[in-house]
Amino acid sequence: MTGPRDARARGGAIERLVARWLLDRGLTLEASNQHAKGGEIDLVMRDGEVLVFVEVRHRADSRHGHPLETITPTKQRRLIKAARFYLQRNRLSCACRFDVLAVTGTPPDLEIDWVANAFEAP
């Protein structure tokens, strides 16, 4: 049986793999695991002049649905709130977007679906 600590360690490992994957595609890492009131931002990256808030969702398999299905309107609101807090705390005013990376499989056999600009903040 695996506990929450195992799940956190596994999630952290997947996030590090995704960060490297995005670095290989030209993005730069600004921050990771940014906690804010009511939410957490997995990765904060830059794509040129655009600040990218990245949500990483992982499932070992699609038996219980695709990882993208877990980005509910409630989850989107939490991410937007956390992003606004991050921008305010760091006194930033710049173009932003929300990307979701859905990861399926177990290392080293991972399938990564990158949805750039997955949703917008109202």
Foldseek 3Di string as FASTA:
>chain_A
DDDPVVVVVQVLVVLVVVQVVVVVVPKAWDDAFQDDVQDTFGTWIDDDQEIEGEAEFEDQAQPVHFRVVPCDPVVVVSSVRSVVVVCVVVVHDTHYAYKYWTWYHHPPDIDIDIDTRVDDDD
